[in-house]
Amino acid sequence: MINNIIQRIDDLLKKANFETFVLDSFSTKKNTFCFDLLVKIANMVFSVKVFPNIDNLNPDVINDIKSLSALLKSKPLLIGIRNRYQKLEDNTIYIREDLPFITLKTLENILDQDSYPYILARRGGGVIYIKGDLMKTIRENLLISRKKLSEILGVTKRTVCAYENESMRPSESIANKIAQILDCSDIFKRINLFEWNFKFDIDNEEMHQEDELNPFEYHLQEILNDIGISSYWYKKGTIPFKLSIYSKIVTKDAEHTIFPVFSGISDEEKKLNELNLRCLSLFKELFNKNTLFIVNNDIRIPDSLKTNKIPILKIKTLEEVDDEEEFIDLIQESGK
């Protein structure tokens, strides 16, 4: 069923002139990645993920969705099927872990009819976005005072004022009463999901747990520390590459535009992970980011991959790098 939904999403987005990107493996086995599709329109990029139950979320998947969005300045587009009690309702945005989830039908309504949802459902009940200025104008035209409206609604006068200045949002039942009293459903404000303001921060103290790194990864981390650059490890496998590398220095200098650098790793394996390579190629194409593949010294690099768009570096090459400037030069030279 999930694959059918992903295919339907892909069709809908392509019809709406989005570019869609997918890894071949998604159609052949269960996908445990933090995205099912990557999509792009204009300068906006979204990672699409379908969840069977939004009340049974894998915390590693959620954390990687947030970290990837922060690094790439992309936005998640999350489709839910049900919560623990029932199927999700259409034209509603459900909030879980500070992320918005919608149904496939809601996405279809947005793309086909430009009809955005106006109900925001949080744990404990839903609220509705109200056009405060329009509510106030209609109320005044009907000669209904705030005090009178508050008495009909069973709320305080201050609450009605808060609805009109949009510092508070009414529950679904209260909002429906307001619309009925004012005889106007246009007071409901549609929520543009594509313009949702996401605020994701990567906690530097949780970037990696050194006791979770194998000997090769631990050695690589020590090299990155000596160079003076930071890394974020994806140890749970929900992102199909192993780490991202970025500068510790906050600057607008052009030399730092190479970051973040996404990297795959092969250590104990005797061959390169082709799925990781395909994913890195996808991210390079989609996000225009630098990518590389770091391998152990004893791994043989096939001639067919030496001309690959993804630079493949042996660990001994990084061991010779002294600082961030040399690392930047290495990445720029390897990417040519």
Protein backbone atom coordinates (compact mmCIF):
# COMPACT_ATOMS: atom_id res chain seq x y z
CA MET A 1 0.00 0.00 0.00
CA ILE A 2 2.82 2.41 0.86
CA ASN A 3 4.43 1.96 -2.57
CA ASN A 4 1.07 2.75 -4.23
CA ILE A 5 0.78 5.95 -2.19
CA ILE A 6 4.34 6.97 -3.07
CA GLN A 7 3.59 6.38 -6.74
CA ARG A 8 0.41 8.46 -6.46
CA ILE A 9 2.35 11.28 -4.78
CA ASP A 10 4.98 11.11 -7.52
CA ASP A 11 2.28 11.38 -10.20
CA LEU A 12 0.55 14.30 -8.45
CA LEU A 13 3.78 16.26 -8.00
CA LYS A 14 4.94 15.69 -11.57
CA LYS A 15 1.55 16.86 -12.83
CA ALA A 16 2.05 20.04 -10.74
CA ASN A 17 5.44 20.61 -12.42
CA PHE A 18 7.60 19.40 -9.56
CA GLU A 19 10.79 17.54 -10.39
CA THR A 20 10.84 14.25 -8.50
CA PHE A 21 13.83 12.11 -7.61
CA VAL A 22 13.77 8.55 -6.32
CA LEU A 23 16.29 5.81 -5.62
CA ASP A 24 15.78 2.53 -7.50
CA SER A 25 15.70 0.51 -4.27
CA PHE A 26 12.48 2.19 -3.11
CA SER A 27 10.42 0.08 -5.46
CA THR A 28 12.13 -3.21 -4.66
CA LYS A 29 12.21 -3.38 -0.86
CA LYS A 30 10.87 -1.75 2.26
CA ASN A 31 12.30 1.75 2.56
CA THR A 32 13.75 2.65 5.94
CA PHE A 33 15.16 6.00 4.82
CA CYS A 34 13.92 9.31 6.16
CA PHE A 35 12.53 10.19 2.72
CA ASP A 36 10.63 8.31 0.03
CA LEU A 37 10.94 11.01 -2.60
CA LEU A 38 12.94 14.19 -3.04
CA VAL A 39 11.08 16.85 -5.00
CA LYS A 40 11.99 20.27 -6.30
CA ILE A 41 10.16 23.25 -7.74
CA ALA A 42 11.84 26.59 -8.45
CA ASN A 43 14.26 27.08 -5.55
CA MET A 44 12.30 24.96 -3.07
CA VAL A 45 13.20 21.37 -2.21
CA PHE A 46 11.02 18.97 -0.21
CA SER A 47 11.70 15.54 1.23
CA VAL A 48 8.56 13.39 1.04
CA LYS A 49 7.91 10.61 3.53
CA VAL A 50 4.80 8.46 4.06
CA PHE A 51 3.92 7.29 7.60
CA PRO A 52 1.37 4.51 8.26
CA ASN A 53 0.76 5.76 11.83
CA ILE A 54 1.75 9.27 12.97
CA ASP A 55 1.50 8.20 16.61
CA ASN A 56 4.11 5.49 16.11
CA LEU A 57 7.04 7.45 14.74
CA ASN A 58 10.61 6.18 14.63
CA PRO A 59 12.61 8.82 16.56
CA ASP A 60 15.72 8.18 14.43
CA VAL A 61 13.76 8.87 11.24
CA ILE A 62 12.29 12.06 12.73
CA ASN A 63 15.69 13.29 13.94
CA ASP A 64 17.24 12.66 10.53
CA ILE A 65 14.36 14.42 8.76
CA LYS A 66 15.04 17.48 10.91
CA SER A 67 18.84 17.38 10.62
CA LEU A 68 18.76 16.84 6.86
CA SER A 69 16.27 19.70 6.44
CA ALA A 70 18.49 21.99 8.51
CA LEU A 71 21.62 21.14 6.54
CA LEU A 72 19.97 21.37 3.12
CA LYS A 73 17.54 24.20 3.89
CA SER A 74 14.84 21.91 2.51
CA LYS A 75 11.36 21.25 3.88
CA PRO A 76 9.72 17.95 4.81
CA LEU A 77 6.42 17.04 3.15
CA LEU A 78 4.95 14.33 5.37
CA ILE A 79 1.97 12.18 4.47
CA GLY A 80 0.14 10.27 7.22
CA ILE A 81 -2.45 7.50 6.89
CA ARG A 82 -3.81 7.20 10.41
CA ASN A 83 -3.17 7.92 14.07
CA ARG A 84 -3.60 5.41 16.88
CA TYR A 85 -7.37 5.74 16.82
CA GLN A 86 -8.53 6.26 13.25
CA LYS A 87 -7.70 7.35 9.73
CA LEU A 88 -6.56 10.94 9.44
CA GLU A 89 -9.11 13.46 8.27
CA ASP A 90 -8.63 15.37 5.05
CA ASN A 91 -8.02 19.14 4.88
CA THR A 92 -6.35 19.01 8.28
CA ILE A 93 -2.75 19.48 9.37
CA TYR A 94 -1.71 17.17 12.20
CA ILE A 95 1.23 18.20 14.37
CA ARG A 96 3.59 15.57 15.75
CA GLU A 97 7.15 16.22 16.98
CA ASP A 98 6.77 19.83 15.73
CA LEU A 99 6.24 18.50 12.20
CA PRO A 100 3.09 18.82 10.02
CA PHE A 101 1.41 15.72 8.59
CA ILE A 102 -1.38 15.67 6.00
CA THR A 103 -3.33 13.02 4.11
CA LEU A 104 -2.80 12.11 0.47
CA LYS A 105 -6.22 13.61 -0.34
CA THR A 106 -5.21 16.89 1.32
CA LEU A 107 -2.10 17.01 -0.85
CA GLU A 108 -4.25 16.28 -3.90
CA ASN A 109 -6.62 19.14 -2.99
CA ILE A 110 -3.68 21.51 -2.61
CA LEU A 111 -2.11 20.58 -5.94
CA ASP A 112 -5.27 20.16 -8.05
CA GLN A 113 -7.61 22.76 -6.54
CA ASP A 114 -5.24 25.13 -4.72
CA SER A 115 -7.35 24.32 -1.64
CA TYR A 116 -5.23 24.51 1.49
CA PRO A 117 -6.31 23.17 4.90
CA TYR A 118 -7.39 25.50 7.71
CA ILE A 119 -7.60 23.03 10.60
CA LEU A 120 -4.50 22.51 12.74
CA ALA A 121 -4.85 19.35 14.83
CA ARG A 122 -2.60 18.99 17.84
CA ARG A 123 -2.73 16.43 20.61
CA GLY A 124 -5.68 17.36 22.78
CA GLY A 125 -7.77 18.95 20.03
CA GLY A 126 -7.76 20.98 16.86
CA VAL A 127 -7.70 24.71 16.28
CA ILE A 128 -8.71 26.74 13.25
CA TYR A 129 -6.91 29.67 11.71
CA ILE A 130 -9.21 32.69 11.55
CA LYS A 131 -8.90 35.81 9.40
CA GLY A 132 -9.10 38.20 12.32
CA ASP A 133 -9.61 41.39 10.33
CA LEU A 134 -12.46 39.86 8.30
CA MET A 135 -14.10 38.49 11.45
CA LYS A 136 -13.97 41.94 13.05
CA THR A 137 -15.33 43.69 9.95
CA ILE A 138 -18.29 41.34 9.57
CA ARG A 139 -19.05 41.45 13.29
CA GLU A 140 -19.10 45.25 13.27
CA ASN A 141 -21.22 45.35 10.10
CA LEU A 142 -23.75 43.10 11.84
CA LEU A 143 -23.66 45.43 14.87
CA ILE A 144 -22.58 42.62 17.17
CA SER A 145 -20.38 43.80 20.02
CA ARG A 146 -17.45 41.78 21.29
CA LYS A 147 -19.26 41.40 24.60
CA LYS A 148 -22.38 40.05 22.90
CA LEU A 149 -20.37 37.63 20.74
CA SER A 150 -18.40 36.42 23.74
CA GLU A 151 -21.64 35.67 25.62
CA ILE A 152 -23.00 33.65 22.67
CA LEU A 153 -19.76 31.72 22.33
CA GLY A 154 -19.30 31.17 26.05
CA VAL A 155 -15.85 32.78 26.13
CA THR A 156 -14.49 36.02 27.52
CA LYS A 157 -14.49 39.35 25.70
CA ARG A 158 -10.70 39.27 25.84
CA THR A 159 -10.73 35.91 24.03
CA VAL A 160 -12.84 37.34 21.19
CA CYS A 161 -10.37 40.20 20.94
CA ALA A 162 -7.51 37.66 20.75
CA TYR A 163 -9.28 35.84 17.90
CA GLU A 164 -9.59 39.10 15.96
CA ASN A 165 -5.97 40.13 16.41
CA GLU A 166 -4.93 36.50 15.69
CA SER A 167 -2.95 36.07 18.90
CA MET A 168 -5.19 33.09 19.74
CA ARG A 169 -6.88 30.49 17.55
CA PRO A 170 -10.31 29.07 18.36
CA SER A 171 -11.15 25.39 18.65
CA GLU A 172 -13.02 23.75 15.80
CA SER A 173 -16.34 23.96 17.65
CA ILE A 174 -15.89 27.63 18.55
CA ALA A 175 -14.73 28.51 15.04
CA ASN A 176 -17.76 26.82 13.51
CA LYS A 177 -20.03 28.77 15.89
CA ILE A 178 -18.36 32.04 14.84
CA ALA A 179 -18.83 31.19 11.16
CA GLN A 180 -22.48 30.33 11.79
CA ILE A 181 -23.16 33.52 13.77
CA LEU A 182 -21.44 35.71 11.18
CA ASP A 183 -22.87 33.62 8.31
CA CYS A 184 -19.48 33.48 6.64
CA SER A 185 -17.11 30.54 6.21
CA ASP A 186 -14.59 32.77 4.43
CA ILE A 187 -13.22 33.79 7.82
CA PHE A 188 -11.28 30.50 7.87
CA LYS A 189 -7.69 31.17 6.86
CA ARG A 190 -6.07 28.55 4.62
CA ILE A 191 -2.60 27.35 5.67
CA ASN A 192 -0.04 27.23 2.88
CA LEU A 193 1.90 24.11 3.79
CA PHE A 194 4.62 24.89 1.24
CA GLU A 195 5.40 28.12 3.10
CA TRP A 196 5.45 26.49 6.54
CA ASN A 197 8.16 28.07 8.70
CA PHE A 198 10.34 25.23 9.96
CA LYS A 199 12.90 25.90 12.66
CA PHE A 200 15.42 23.10 12.94
CA ASP A 201 18.63 23.31 14.96
CA ILE A 202 21.34 20.68 15.08
CA ASP A 203 22.50 20.11 18.65
CA ASN A 204 26.29 20.09 18.49
CA GLU A 205 26.50 17.96 21.63
CA GLU A 206 24.53 15.19 19.96
CA MET A 207 26.23 15.14 16.57
CA HIS A 208 27.78 11.78 17.21
CA GLN A 209 28.37 9.37 20.04
CA GLU A 210 31.96 8.21 19.79
CA ASP A 211 31.13 4.92 21.50
CA GLU A 212 28.83 4.15 18.54
CA LEU A 213 31.59 4.56 15.96
CA ASN A 214 33.50 1.55 14.72
CA PRO A 215 37.33 1.75 14.67
CA PHE A 216 37.47 3.07 11.10
CA GLU A 217 34.82 5.73 11.79
CA TYR A 218 36.50 6.70 15.06
CA HIS A 219 39.81 7.15 13.22
CA LEU A 220 38.09 9.27 10.56
CA GLN A 221 36.46 11.39 13.26
CA GLU A 222 39.87 12.02 14.85
CA ILE A 223 41.21 13.15 11.46
CA LEU A 224 38.29 15.57 11.01
CA ASN A 225 38.88 16.91 14.53
CA ASP A 226 42.57 17.46 13.75
CA ILE A 227 41.67 19.28 10.52
CA GLY A 228 39.30 21.50 12.53
CA ILE A 229 35.99 20.74 10.86
CA SER A 230 32.75 19.35 12.23
CA SER A 231 30.74 16.30 11.27
CA TYR A 232 27.26 14.87 11.76
CA TRP A 233 27.01 11.07 11.71
CA TYR A 234 23.94 9.21 10.51
CA LYS A 235 24.41 5.98 12.40
CA LYS A 236 20.89 4.57 12.24
CA GLY A 237 20.81 4.21 8.46
CA THR A 238 17.74 6.35 7.76
CA ILE A 239 19.82 8.50 5.42
CA PRO A 240 21.62 6.51 2.71
CA PHE A 241 25.06 7.96 3.42
CA LYS A 242 27.10 8.06 6.59
CA LEU A 243 27.96 11.65 7.50
CA SER A 244 27.95 15.30 6.56
CA ILE A 245 30.97 17.55 7.04
CA TYR A 246 30.81 21.29 7.59
CA SER A 247 32.85 24.21 8.86
CA LYS A 248 33.06 25.21 12.50
CA ILE A 249 33.55 28.79 11.32
CA VAL A 250 30.44 30.90 10.68
CA THR A 251 31.36 33.06 7.70
CA LYS A 252 30.00 34.34 4.42
CA ASP A 253 33.32 33.88 2.63
CA ALA A 254 33.04 32.14 -0.72
CA GLU A 255 35.52 29.42 0.31
CA HIS A 256 33.04 28.07 2.83
CA THR A 257 30.29 27.55 0.26
CA ILE A 258 31.58 23.99 -0.25
CA PHE A 259 29.84 22.98 2.98
CA PRO A 260 28.06 20.82 3.87
CA VAL A 261 29.93 17.97 2.20
CA PHE A 262 28.04 14.67 2.18
CA SER A 263 30.07 11.50 2.45
CA GLY A 264 29.61 7.79 2.09
CA ILE A 265 32.00 5.39 3.80
CA SER A 266 33.30 1.90 3.09
CA ASP A 267 35.61 0.41 5.68
CA GLU A 268 35.41 -3.31 6.41
CA GLU A 269 33.56 -4.05 3.18
CA LYS A 270 35.74 -4.95 0.21
CA LYS A 271 33.61 -3.11 -2.28
CA LEU A 272 31.90 0.24 -2.60
CA ASN A 273 28.24 0.59 -1.71
CA GLU A 274 26.62 1.43 -5.06
CA LEU A 275 23.37 2.53 -3.40
CA ASN A 276 25.30 5.12 -1.40
CA LEU A 277 26.99 6.29 -4.59
CA ARG A 278 23.64 6.68 -6.37
CA CYS A 279 22.25 8.61 -3.43
CA LEU A 280 25.27 10.91 -3.32
CA SER A 281 24.89 11.54 -7.05
CA LEU A 282 21.23 12.37 -6.46
CA PHE A 283 22.04 14.84 -3.69
CA LYS A 284 24.78 16.43 -5.79
CA GLU A 285 22.34 16.91 -8.66
CA LEU A 286 19.41 18.06 -6.56
CA PHE A 287 21.11 20.28 -3.99
CA ASN A 288 24.25 21.25 -5.89
CA LYS A 289 26.31 20.18 -2.87
CA ASN A 290 29.79 18.69 -2.70
CA THR A 291 29.91 14.96 -2.11
CA LEU A 292 32.64 12.39 -1.66
CA PHE A 293 33.16 8.77 -0.69
CA ILE A 294 35.78 7.92 1.94
CA VAL A 295 37.21 4.39 1.81
CA ASN A 296 39.76 2.32 3.67
CA ASN A 297 43.21 2.09 2.16
CA ASP A 298 42.86 -1.57 1.15
CA ILE A 299 39.66 -1.15 -0.86
CA ARG A 300 40.23 -1.40 -4.60
CA ILE A 301 38.52 1.32 -6.61
CA PRO A 302 37.23 -0.09 -9.93
CA ASP A 303 38.39 1.78 -13.02
CA SER A 304 34.74 2.30 -13.96
CA LEU A 305 34.26 4.42 -10.83
CA LYS A 306 37.42 6.49 -11.09
CA THR A 307 35.67 8.74 -13.59
CA ASN A 308 32.53 8.86 -11.43
CA LYS A 309 31.13 12.29 -10.54
CA ILE A 310 31.57 11.44 -6.85
CA PRO A 311 35.21 11.79 -5.68
CA ILE A 312 36.46 8.64 -3.93
CA LEU A 313 39.18 9.34 -1.35
CA LYS A 314 41.26 6.86 0.59
CA ILE A 315 41.71 7.58 4.28
CA LYS A 316 45.45 8.12 3.83
CA THR A 317 44.71 11.14 1.64
CA LEU A 318 42.78 12.81 4.44
CA GLU A 319 45.54 11.97 6.92
CA GLU A 320 47.82 14.32 4.99
CA VAL A 321 45.45 17.30 5.32
CA ASP A 322 46.53 19.82 7.98
CA ASP A 323 43.68 22.32 8.19
CA GLU A 324 40.33 23.42 6.79
CA GLU A 325 41.90 25.43 3.99
CA GLU A 326 43.73 22.35 2.70
CA PHE A 327 40.53 20.31 3.05
CA ILE A 328 38.64 22.86 0.94
CA ASP A 329 41.38 22.75 -1.70
CA LEU A 330 41.23 18.94 -1.71
CA ILE A 331 37.46 18.85 -2.19
CA GLN A 332 37.52 21.48 -4.91
CA GLU A 333 40.34 19.70 -6.75
CA SER A 334 38.69 16.27 -6.38
CA GLY A 335 35.40 17.60 -7.72
CA LYS A 336 36.87 18.72 -11.03
